[in-house]
Amino acid sequence: MFGVADADEEHDYFAASFYAAAAGAVPFVDSERHRLIASAYAGLGKDLDRFSAFRLAGRPDASEWEAISRPNLPGAAFDEFFSRSYGIVDLRYRYEALFFLYPYVYGNWAWIDRPRFKDGSVEQSMDSLPTLGAGIITGAPWRSRLELDYAYNFGILRNPETTQRPARTLQSEKMTQTASWK
């Protein structure tokens, strides 16, 4: 994925992706207020470069993007990973507390092939990224909704010994700005 590109060798590649999603009742609970939502995503590629690789990222809930087919990696930055192959499974429990209020908890497990810098060179390695999260969705005025979500990804690299927090990316439709939070 890194290095000098050779146009004669890099113009043909293979990429395929798959997803499935299902929602249903919680086993042994006789109530429609309790729901389990499961989803799975997978992708496989050959001869992918940094432009054709799968982009795996943390982003708002897939329904906000109007595409549940896009894999979501909670706890990751926007377009953080470029992968040649990946697999992601997600299981969510959602409860209807009121007709407009839905608290939920979820677990997500991802296996991704990503470039890693090691001993001055770049190597591909398959890594595991487990995530736990919780949130709440509620209705809001003018047929909109408000969603608060917290996720912690145990496979994201963090350096607790630094005194400066990692840079976070703030994005909007009109501008992109990177800020370092102190």
N, C-alpha and C. Protein backbone atom coordinates (compact mmCIF):
# COMPACT_ATOMS: atom_id res chain seq x y z
N MET A 1 0.81 -1.19 0.00
CA MET A 1 0.00 0.00 0.00
C MET A 1 0.85 1.25 0.00
N PHE A 2 2.04 1.21 0.54
CA PHE A 2 2.90 2.37 0.56
C PHE A 2 4.02 2.18 -0.44
N GLY A 3 4.72 3.25 -0.74
CA GLY A 3 5.85 3.15 -1.66
C GLY A 3 5.50 3.76 -3.00
N VAL A 4 6.39 3.53 -3.96
CA VAL A 4 6.24 4.08 -5.29
C VAL A 4 5.24 3.23 -6.07
N ALA A 5 4.28 3.90 -6.70
CA ALA A 5 3.28 3.19 -7.49
C ALA A 5 3.79 2.94 -8.90
N ASP A 6 3.53 1.75 -9.41
CA ASP A 6 3.89 1.39 -10.78
C ASP A 6 2.60 1.21 -11.54
N ALA A 7 2.31 2.15 -12.45
CA ALA A 7 1.03 2.15 -13.16
C ALA A 7 0.82 0.88 -13.98
N ASP A 8 1.89 0.25 -14.46
CA ASP A 8 1.74 -0.96 -15.26
C ASP A 8 1.30 -2.16 -14.42
N GLU A 9 1.65 -2.16 -13.14
CA GLU A 9 1.32 -3.30 -12.28
C GLU A 9 0.07 -3.07 -11.43
N GLU A 10 -0.31 -1.84 -11.20
CA GLU A 10 -1.33 -1.51 -10.22
C GLU A 10 -2.71 -1.24 -10.80
N HIS A 11 -2.94 -1.36 -12.08
CA HIS A 11 -4.23 -0.95 -12.62
C HIS A 11 -5.32 -2.01 -12.52
N ASP A 12 -4.99 -3.26 -12.29
CA ASP A 12 -5.99 -4.30 -12.11
C ASP A 12 -5.99 -4.77 -10.66
N TYR A 13 -7.17 -4.84 -10.07
CA TYR A 13 -7.30 -5.32 -8.70
C TYR A 13 -8.65 -5.99 -8.55
N PHE A 14 -8.79 -6.72 -7.45
CA PHE A 14 -10.03 -7.40 -7.12
C PHE A 14 -10.47 -6.95 -5.73
N ALA A 15 -11.75 -6.61 -5.58
CA ALA A 15 -12.31 -6.25 -4.27
C ALA A 15 -13.76 -6.70 -4.21
N ALA A 16 -14.12 -7.39 -3.14
CA ALA A 16 -15.50 -7.83 -2.94
C ALA A 16 -15.87 -7.61 -1.48
N SER A 17 -17.10 -7.20 -1.25
CA SER A 17 -17.56 -7.00 0.12
C SER A 17 -18.94 -7.62 0.29
N PHE A 18 -19.29 -7.89 1.55
CA PHE A 18 -20.52 -8.57 1.91
C PHE A 18 -21.02 -8.01 3.23
N TYR A 19 -22.33 -7.92 3.37
CA TYR A 19 -22.88 -7.58 4.68
C TYR A 19 -24.23 -8.25 4.86
N ALA A 20 -24.60 -8.44 6.11
CA ALA A 20 -25.91 -9.00 6.46
C ALA A 20 -26.33 -8.36 7.78
N ALA A 21 -27.62 -8.12 7.92
CA ALA A 21 -28.16 -7.54 9.15
C ALA A 21 -29.50 -8.21 9.47
N ALA A 22 -29.76 -8.40 10.76
CA ALA A 22 -31.01 -9.01 11.19
C ALA A 22 -31.42 -8.41 12.54
N ALA A 23 -32.71 -8.28 12.74
CA ALA A 23 -33.24 -7.78 14.01
C ALA A 23 -34.34 -8.72 14.46
N GLY A 24 -34.44 -8.92 15.75
CA GLY A 24 -35.47 -9.82 16.26
C GLY A 24 -35.66 -9.67 17.75
N ALA A 25 -36.53 -10.47 18.27
CA ALA A 25 -36.84 -10.45 19.71
C ALA A 25 -35.71 -11.10 20.51
N VAL A 26 -35.61 -10.72 21.76
CA VAL A 26 -34.65 -11.34 22.67
C VAL A 26 -35.20 -12.71 23.06
N PRO A 27 -34.39 -13.76 22.93
CA PRO A 27 -34.89 -15.10 23.29
C PRO A 27 -35.38 -15.15 24.75
N PHE A 28 -36.46 -15.87 24.96
CA PHE A 28 -37.07 -16.11 26.28
C PHE A 28 -37.64 -14.85 26.93
N VAL A 29 -37.80 -13.76 26.17
CA VAL A 29 -38.42 -12.54 26.69
C VAL A 29 -39.64 -12.26 25.83
N ASP A 30 -40.81 -12.26 26.46
CA ASP A 30 -42.06 -12.09 25.72
C ASP A 30 -42.47 -10.62 25.71
N SER A 31 -41.71 -9.79 24.99
CA SER A 31 -42.01 -8.37 24.89
C SER A 31 -41.36 -7.82 23.63
N GLU A 32 -42.09 -6.97 22.93
CA GLU A 32 -41.54 -6.33 21.74
C GLU A 32 -40.67 -5.14 22.09
N ARG A 33 -40.56 -4.78 23.34
CA ARG A 33 -39.75 -3.64 23.76
C ARG A 33 -38.26 -3.98 23.79
N HIS A 34 -37.92 -5.26 23.82
CA HIS A 34 -36.54 -5.72 23.86
C HIS A 34 -36.17 -6.23 22.46
N ARG A 35 -35.06 -5.75 21.89
CA ARG A 35 -34.65 -6.15 20.55
C ARG A 35 -33.16 -6.46 20.50
N LEU A 36 -32.82 -7.47 19.73
CA LEU A 36 -31.44 -7.79 19.40
C LEU A 36 -31.23 -7.44 17.92
N ILE A 37 -30.13 -6.79 17.63
CA ILE A 37 -29.79 -6.43 16.26
C ILE A 37 -28.40 -6.96 15.99
N ALA A 38 -28.26 -7.81 15.00
CA ALA A 38 -26.96 -8.40 14.65
C ALA A 38 -26.60 -7.99 13.23
N SER A 39 -25.32 -7.77 13.02
CA SER A 39 -24.85 -7.46 11.67
C SER A 39 -23.45 -8.05 11.49
N ALA A 40 -23.13 -8.33 10.24
CA ALA A 40 -21.81 -8.87 9.90
C ALA A 40 -21.36 -8.22 8.59
N TYR A 41 -20.07 -7.93 8.51
CA TYR A 41 -19.48 -7.31 7.33
C TYR A 41 -18.18 -8.03 7.01
N ALA A 42 -17.88 -8.15 5.73
CA ALA A 42 -16.62 -8.78 5.32
C ALA A 42 -16.18 -8.18 4.01
N GLY A 43 -14.88 -8.15 3.81
CA GLY A 43 -14.32 -7.66 2.56
C GLY A 43 -13.03 -8.39 2.27
N LEU A 44 -12.77 -8.63 1.01
CA LEU A 44 -11.57 -9.33 0.57
C LEU A 44 -11.07 -8.66 -0.69
N GLY A 45 -9.77 -8.40 -0.74
CA GLY A 45 -9.21 -7.75 -1.92
C GLY A 45 -7.85 -8.31 -2.28
N LYS A 46 -7.47 -8.10 -3.53
CA LYS A 46 -6.16 -8.53 -4.03
C LYS A 46 -5.59 -7.40 -4.88
N ASP A 47 -4.32 -7.12 -4.70
CA ASP A 47 -3.62 -6.06 -5.44
C ASP A 47 -4.24 -4.69 -5.20
N LEU A 48 -4.67 -4.42 -3.96
CA LEU A 48 -5.24 -3.12 -3.62
C LEU A 48 -4.14 -2.14 -3.24
N ASP A 49 -4.28 -0.90 -3.66
CA ASP A 49 -3.35 0.14 -3.22
C ASP A 49 -4.10 1.06 -2.26
N ARG A 50 -3.48 2.17 -1.87
CA ARG A 50 -4.12 3.02 -0.87
C ARG A 50 -5.38 3.71 -1.39
N PHE A 51 -5.57 3.76 -2.71
CA PHE A 51 -6.77 4.39 -3.26
C PHE A 51 -7.92 3.40 -3.41
N SER A 52 -7.62 2.13 -3.61
CA SER A 52 -8.67 1.14 -3.82
C SER A 52 -8.94 0.28 -2.59
N ALA A 53 -8.16 0.45 -1.53
CA ALA A 53 -8.34 -0.34 -0.30
C ALA A 53 -9.67 0.01 0.37
N PHE A 54 -10.19 -0.94 1.15
CA PHE A 54 -11.42 -0.69 1.92
C PHE A 54 -11.12 0.35 3.00
N ARG A 55 -12.01 1.29 3.16
CA ARG A 55 -11.86 2.29 4.21
C ARG A 55 -12.77 1.92 5.37
N LEU A 56 -12.15 1.67 6.51
CA LEU A 56 -12.89 1.29 7.72
C LEU A 56 -12.76 2.42 8.72
N ALA A 57 -13.88 2.84 9.25
CA ALA A 57 -13.84 4.03 10.08
C ALA A 57 -14.93 4.02 11.12
N GLY A 58 -14.72 4.82 12.14
CA GLY A 58 -15.78 5.12 13.07
C GLY A 58 -16.58 6.26 12.47
N ARG A 59 -17.85 6.21 12.57
CA ARG A 59 -18.71 7.25 12.01
C ARG A 59 -20.04 7.20 12.75
N PRO A 60 -20.90 8.16 12.48
CA PRO A 60 -22.23 8.07 13.10
C PRO A 60 -22.93 6.78 12.71
N ASP A 61 -23.97 6.47 13.43
CA ASP A 61 -24.77 5.27 13.15
C ASP A 61 -25.05 5.17 11.65
N ALA A 62 -25.02 3.97 11.12
CA ALA A 62 -25.19 3.77 9.68
C ALA A 62 -26.49 4.33 9.16
N SER A 63 -27.53 4.36 9.97
CA SER A 63 -28.80 4.89 9.48
C SER A 63 -28.73 6.38 9.20
N GLU A 64 -27.81 7.08 9.87
CA GLU A 64 -27.64 8.49 9.58
C GLU A 64 -26.99 8.70 8.22
N TRP A 65 -26.20 7.76 7.80
CA TRP A 65 -25.54 7.85 6.49
C TRP A 65 -26.42 7.26 5.40
N GLU A 66 -27.60 6.78 5.76
CA GLU A 66 -28.53 6.18 4.81
C GLU A 66 -27.94 4.97 4.11
N ALA A 67 -27.01 4.29 4.76
CA ALA A 67 -26.42 3.09 4.15
C ALA A 67 -25.96 2.14 5.24
N ILE A 68 -26.76 1.12 5.54
CA ILE A 68 -26.33 0.14 6.53
C ILE A 68 -25.26 -0.78 5.94
N SER A 69 -25.01 -0.66 4.63
CA SER A 69 -24.00 -1.51 4.00
C SER A 69 -22.58 -1.05 4.30
N ARG A 70 -22.39 0.14 4.83
CA ARG A 70 -21.05 0.62 5.14
C ARG A 70 -20.61 0.07 6.49
N PRO A 71 -19.46 -0.60 6.55
CA PRO A 71 -19.00 -1.13 7.84
C PRO A 71 -18.65 0.01 8.80
N ASN A 72 -18.97 -0.20 10.05
CA ASN A 72 -18.69 0.79 11.08
C ASN A 72 -17.76 0.18 12.12
N LEU A 73 -16.72 0.89 12.47
CA LEU A 73 -15.73 0.44 13.44
C LEU A 73 -15.75 1.41 14.62
N PRO A 74 -16.62 1.20 15.62
CA PRO A 74 -16.74 2.15 16.73
C PRO A 74 -15.41 2.36 17.44
N GLY A 75 -15.18 3.59 17.84
CA GLY A 75 -13.95 3.94 18.55
C GLY A 75 -12.81 4.34 17.63
N ALA A 76 -12.99 4.22 16.32
CA ALA A 76 -11.95 4.61 15.37
C ALA A 76 -12.25 6.00 14.82
N ALA A 77 -11.23 6.65 14.30
CA ALA A 77 -11.41 7.95 13.68
C ALA A 77 -12.02 7.79 12.28
N PHE A 78 -12.46 8.88 11.71
CA PHE A 78 -13.07 8.86 10.38
C PHE A 78 -12.03 8.43 9.35
N ASP A 79 -12.32 7.37 8.60
CA ASP A 79 -11.41 6.80 7.58
C ASP A 79 -10.01 6.52 8.16
N GLU A 80 -9.95 5.92 9.35
CA GLU A 80 -8.67 5.66 9.99
C GLU A 80 -7.91 4.49 9.38
N PHE A 81 -8.62 3.46 8.94
CA PHE A 81 -7.95 2.25 8.47
C PHE A 81 -8.18 2.01 6.98
N PHE A 82 -7.12 1.62 6.29
CA PHE A 82 -7.16 1.20 4.90
C PHE A 82 -6.78 -0.28 4.91
N SER A 83 -7.72 -1.14 4.52
CA SER A 83 -7.52 -2.57 4.70
C SER A 83 -7.69 -3.32 3.38
N ARG A 84 -6.92 -4.40 3.25
CA ARG A 84 -7.08 -5.29 2.08
C ARG A 84 -8.12 -6.37 2.35
N SER A 85 -8.35 -6.70 3.61
CA SER A 85 -9.39 -7.66 3.97
C SER A 85 -9.83 -7.37 5.40
N TYR A 86 -11.10 -7.68 5.67
CA TYR A 86 -11.63 -7.41 7.01
C TYR A 86 -12.85 -8.28 7.27
N GLY A 87 -13.17 -8.42 8.53
CA GLY A 87 -14.40 -9.07 8.98
C GLY A 87 -14.86 -8.36 10.25
N ILE A 88 -16.13 -8.02 10.31
CA ILE A 88 -16.68 -7.30 11.47
C ILE A 88 -18.01 -7.93 11.84
N VAL A 89 -18.20 -8.24 13.13
CA VAL A 89 -19.49 -8.70 13.63
C VAL A 89 -19.93 -7.75 14.75
N ASP A 90 -21.23 -7.51 14.83
CA ASP A 90 -21.77 -6.55 15.77
C ASP A 90 -23.07 -7.11 16.34
N LEU A 91 -23.22 -7.02 17.66
CA LEU A 91 -24.45 -7.46 18.32
C LEU A 91 -24.90 -6.35 19.25
N ARG A 92 -26.15 -5.91 19.09
CA ARG A 92 -26.71 -4.83 19.89
C ARG A 92 -27.98 -5.28 20.60
N TYR A 93 -28.16 -4.78 21.82
CA TYR A 93 -29.41 -4.95 22.56
C TYR A 93 -30.02 -3.56 22.71
N ARG A 94 -31.27 -3.42 22.31
CA ARG A 94 -31.95 -2.13 22.41
C ARG A 94 -33.27 -2.32 23.15
N TYR A 95 -33.55 -1.38 24.03
CA TYR A 95 -34.75 -1.43 24.86
C TYR A 95 -35.60 -0.19 24.59
N GLU A 96 -36.89 -0.36 24.42
CA GLU A 96 -37.80 0.77 24.23
C GLU A 96 -38.32 1.19 25.60
N ALA A 97 -37.64 2.16 26.22
CA ALA A 97 -38.02 2.63 27.55
C ALA A 97 -39.33 3.41 27.49
N LEU A 98 -39.46 4.27 26.51
CA LEU A 98 -40.69 5.01 26.21
C LEU A 98 -40.87 4.95 24.70
N PHE A 99 -41.99 5.42 24.19
CA PHE A 99 -42.21 5.32 22.75
C PHE A 99 -41.21 6.13 21.93
N PHE A 100 -40.43 7.02 22.58
CA PHE A 100 -39.45 7.83 21.85
C PHE A 100 -38.03 7.70 22.43
N LEU A 101 -37.79 6.78 23.35
CA LEU A 101 -36.51 6.71 24.05
C LEU A 101 -35.98 5.27 24.02
N TYR A 102 -34.79 5.09 23.43
CA TYR A 102 -34.22 3.75 23.22
C TYR A 102 -32.77 3.69 23.73
N PRO A 103 -32.53 3.28 24.96
CA PRO A 103 -31.15 3.02 25.38
C PRO A 103 -30.67 1.69 24.77
N TYR A 104 -29.37 1.56 24.55
CA TYR A 104 -28.81 0.34 23.95
C TYR A 104 -27.38 0.11 24.42
N VAL A 105 -26.95 -1.14 24.32
CA VAL A 105 -25.56 -1.53 24.56
C VAL A 105 -25.15 -2.44 23.40
N TYR A 106 -23.86 -2.48 23.12
CA TYR A 106 -23.41 -3.32 22.00
C TYR A 106 -21.97 -3.78 22.18
N GLY A 107 -21.67 -4.82 21.46
CA GLY A 107 -20.32 -5.34 21.35
C GLY A 107 -20.00 -5.53 19.88
N ASN A 108 -18.78 -5.25 19.51
CA ASN A 108 -18.36 -5.31 18.12
C ASN A 108 -16.98 -5.95 18.10
N TRP A 109 -16.74 -6.84 17.15
CA TRP A 109 -15.42 -7.45 17.03
C TRP A 109 -15.00 -7.37 15.57
N ALA A 110 -13.83 -6.83 15.34
CA ALA A 110 -13.33 -6.66 13.97
C ALA A 110 -11.98 -7.33 13.83
N TRP A 111 -11.76 -7.92 12.67
CA TRP A 111 -10.45 -8.44 12.28
C TRP A 111 -10.10 -7.72 11.00
N ILE A 112 -9.01 -6.96 11.02
CA ILE A 112 -8.64 -6.19 9.82
C ILE A 112 -7.18 -6.40 9.47
N ASP A 113 -6.93 -6.41 8.19
CA ASP A 113 -5.57 -6.48 7.64
C ASP A 113 -5.16 -5.03 7.40
N ARG A 114 -4.20 -4.55 8.19
CA ARG A 114 -3.83 -3.15 8.08
C ARG A 114 -2.32 -2.99 8.04
N PRO A 115 -1.84 -1.91 7.43
CA PRO A 115 -0.40 -1.68 7.40
C PRO A 115 0.10 -1.24 8.78
N ARG A 116 1.24 -1.79 9.18
CA ARG A 116 1.87 -1.45 10.46
C ARG A 116 3.33 -1.12 10.22
N PHE A 117 3.81 -0.08 10.86
CA PHE A 117 5.21 0.29 10.75
C PHE A 117 6.00 -0.52 11.76
N LYS A 118 7.00 -1.26 11.26
CA LYS A 118 7.80 -2.12 12.13
C LYS A 118 9.23 -2.14 11.64
N ASP A 119 10.16 -1.77 12.49
CA ASP A 119 11.59 -1.77 12.19
C ASP A 119 11.91 -1.00 10.92
N GLY A 120 11.30 0.17 10.73
CA GLY A 120 11.60 1.02 9.59
C GLY A 120 10.94 0.61 8.29
N SER A 121 10.08 -0.39 8.31
CA SER A 121 9.38 -0.78 7.08
C SER A 121 7.90 -0.93 7.38
N VAL A 122 7.12 -1.10 6.33
CA VAL A 122 5.68 -1.26 6.46
C VAL A 122 5.32 -2.70 6.16
N GLU A 123 4.61 -3.33 7.09
CA GLU A 123 4.17 -4.71 6.92
C GLU A 123 2.67 -4.78 7.15
N GLN A 124 2.01 -5.68 6.44
CA GLN A 124 0.58 -5.92 6.66
C GLN A 124 0.43 -6.93 7.79
N SER A 125 -0.50 -6.67 8.70
CA SER A 125 -0.77 -7.63 9.76
C SER A 125 -2.27 -7.67 10.02
N MET A 126 -2.76 -8.86 10.36
CA MET A 126 -4.17 -9.04 10.69
C MET A 126 -4.32 -8.80 12.19
N ASP A 127 -5.11 -7.82 12.54
CA ASP A 127 -5.28 -7.43 13.94
C ASP A 127 -6.73 -7.56 14.37
N SER A 128 -6.92 -7.80 15.66
CA SER A 128 -8.24 -7.92 16.26
C SER A 128 -8.56 -6.62 17.00
N LEU A 129 -9.77 -6.10 16.80
CA LEU A 129 -10.18 -4.86 17.43
C LEU A 129 -11.55 -5.03 18.10
N PRO A 130 -11.60 -5.50 19.36
CA PRO A 130 -12.88 -5.64 20.06
C PRO A 130 -13.36 -4.28 20.60
N THR A 131 -14.68 -4.08 20.60
CA THR A 131 -15.27 -2.81 21.04
C THR A 131 -16.47 -3.08 21.93
N LEU A 132 -16.62 -2.25 22.96
CA LEU A 132 -17.84 -2.22 23.78
C LEU A 132 -18.38 -0.80 23.76
N GLY A 133 -19.70 -0.67 23.75
CA GLY A 133 -20.28 0.66 23.71
C GLY A 133 -21.69 0.68 24.26
N ALA A 134 -22.18 1.90 24.47
CA ALA A 134 -23.54 2.11 24.95
C ALA A 134 -24.01 3.47 24.46
N GLY A 135 -25.32 3.61 24.39
CA GLY A 135 -25.85 4.89 23.94
C GLY A 135 -27.33 4.99 24.17
N ILE A 136 -27.88 6.09 23.70
CA ILE A 136 -29.31 6.34 23.80
C ILE A 136 -29.75 7.11 22.56
N ILE A 137 -30.91 6.72 22.04
CA ILE A 137 -31.51 7.41 20.90
C ILE A 137 -32.86 7.94 21.36
N THR A 138 -33.14 9.19 21.02
CA THR A 138 -34.43 9.78 21.37
C THR A 138 -34.94 10.63 20.22
N GLY A 139 -36.25 10.74 20.14
CA GLY A 139 -36.86 11.60 19.15
C GLY A 139 -36.61 13.06 19.48
N ALA A 140 -36.62 13.90 18.47
CA ALA A 140 -36.40 15.33 18.65
C ALA A 140 -37.41 16.07 17.76
N PRO A 141 -37.53 17.36 17.94
CA PRO A 141 -38.50 18.11 17.13
C PRO A 141 -38.20 18.03 15.62
N TRP A 142 -39.22 18.30 14.84
CA TRP A 142 -39.13 18.36 13.38
C TRP A 142 -38.68 17.05 12.76
N ARG A 143 -39.22 15.93 13.23
CA ARG A 143 -38.95 14.60 12.69
C ARG A 143 -37.45 14.28 12.65
N SER A 144 -36.75 14.71 13.65
CA SER A 144 -35.32 14.40 13.75
C SER A 144 -35.09 13.54 14.98
N ARG A 145 -33.84 13.20 15.22
CA ARG A 145 -33.53 12.39 16.39
C ARG A 145 -32.19 12.83 16.96
N LEU A 146 -31.96 12.49 18.20
CA LEU A 146 -30.71 12.79 18.89
C LEU A 146 -30.14 11.46 19.37
N GLU A 147 -28.87 11.23 19.08
CA GLU A 147 -28.22 9.99 19.49
C GLU A 147 -26.93 10.32 20.22
N LEU A 148 -26.80 9.81 21.44
CA LEU A 148 -25.57 9.92 22.21
C LEU A 148 -24.98 8.53 22.32
N ASP A 149 -23.70 8.39 21.99
CA ASP A 149 -23.07 7.07 21.95
C ASP A 149 -21.65 7.18 22.48
N TYR A 150 -21.25 6.18 23.26
CA TYR A 150 -19.86 6.08 23.70
C TYR A 150 -19.36 4.69 23.35
N ALA A 151 -18.17 4.63 22.75
CA ALA A 151 -17.57 3.35 22.39
C ALA A 151 -16.10 3.36 22.78
N TYR A 152 -15.64 2.21 23.25
CA TYR A 152 -14.21 2.05 23.54
C TYR A 152 -13.70 0.85 22.76
N ASN A 153 -12.74 1.09 21.89
CA ASN A 153 -12.17 0.04 21.07
C ASN A 153 -10.85 -0.39 21.73
N PHE A 154 -10.77 -1.65 22.15
CA PHE A 154 -9.60 -2.15 22.86
C PHE A 154 -8.42 -2.45 21.94
N GLY A 155 -8.62 -2.45 20.63
CA GLY A 155 -7.56 -2.77 19.69
C GLY A 155 -6.89 -1.57 19.06
N ILE A 156 -7.40 -0.37 19.32
CA ILE A 156 -6.81 0.85 18.77
C ILE A 156 -5.54 1.14 19.56
N LEU A 157 -4.48 1.48 18.86
CA LEU A 157 -3.21 1.78 19.53
C LEU A 157 -3.29 3.12 20.24
N ARG A 158 -2.91 3.13 21.51
CA ARG A 158 -2.87 4.34 22.30
C ARG A 158 -1.56 4.35 23.06
N ASN A 159 -1.05 5.54 23.29
CA ASN A 159 0.20 5.66 24.03
C ASN A 159 -0.08 6.43 25.31
N PRO A 160 -0.29 5.73 26.44
CA PRO A 160 -0.64 6.43 27.68
C PRO A 160 0.53 7.19 28.30
N GLU A 161 1.75 7.01 27.80
CA GLU A 161 2.92 7.65 28.41
C GLU A 161 3.13 9.07 27.90
N THR A 162 2.44 9.48 26.83
CA THR A 162 2.62 10.83 26.32
C THR A 162 1.85 11.81 27.17
N THR A 163 2.34 13.04 27.22
CA THR A 163 1.66 14.07 28.00
C THR A 163 0.61 14.79 27.17
N GLN A 164 0.70 14.67 25.84
CA GLN A 164 -0.27 15.32 24.98
C GLN A 164 -1.30 14.29 24.50
N ARG A 165 -2.56 14.68 24.50
CA ARG A 165 -3.60 13.80 24.00
C ARG A 165 -3.47 13.67 22.48
N PRO A 166 -3.96 12.58 21.91
CA PRO A 166 -3.87 12.41 20.45
C PRO A 166 -4.71 13.45 19.72
N ALA A 167 -4.31 13.75 18.49
CA ALA A 167 -5.06 14.70 17.66
C ALA A 167 -6.40 14.10 17.28
N ARG A 168 -7.41 14.93 17.29
CA ARG A 168 -8.74 14.50 16.86
C ARG A 168 -9.11 15.32 15.63
N THR A 169 -9.84 14.74 14.73
CA THR A 169 -10.21 15.44 13.51
C THR A 169 -11.64 15.94 13.61
N LEU A 170 -11.82 17.22 13.36
CA LEU A 170 -13.14 17.83 13.35
C LEU A 170 -13.53 17.99 11.88
N GLN A 171 -14.68 17.47 11.48
CA GLN A 171 -15.06 17.53 10.08
C GLN A 171 -16.45 18.12 9.93
N SER A 172 -16.62 18.90 8.91
CA SER A 172 -17.93 19.40 8.52
C SER A 172 -18.00 19.38 7.01
N GLU A 173 -19.14 19.76 6.45
CA GLU A 173 -19.29 19.72 5.01
C GLU A 173 -18.41 20.76 4.33
N LYS A 174 -18.17 21.88 4.96
CA LYS A 174 -17.46 22.97 4.30
C LYS A 174 -15.97 23.03 4.61
N MET A 175 -15.52 22.43 5.70
CA MET A 175 -14.10 22.51 6.02
C MET A 175 -13.66 21.32 6.83
N THR A 176 -12.39 21.04 6.77
CA THR A 176 -11.79 19.99 7.57
C THR A 176 -10.64 20.63 8.34
N GLN A 177 -10.62 20.41 9.65
CA GLN A 177 -9.60 21.02 10.49
C GLN A 177 -9.13 19.99 11.49
N THR A 178 -7.81 19.89 11.68
CA THR A 178 -7.28 18.99 12.68
C THR A 178 -6.84 19.83 13.88
N ALA A 179 -7.28 19.42 15.05
CA ALA A 179 -6.96 20.15 16.26
C ALA A 179 -6.35 19.19 17.26
N SER A 180 -5.39 19.68 18.03
CA SER A 180 -4.78 18.89 19.09
C SER A 180 -5.37 19.38 20.40
N TRP A 181 -6.08 18.51 21.11
CA TRP A 181 -6.74 18.87 22.36
C TRP A 181 -5.73 18.79 23.50
N LYS A 182 -5.65 19.83 24.29
CA LYS A 182 -4.70 19.86 25.40
C LYS A 182 -5.42 19.96 26.70
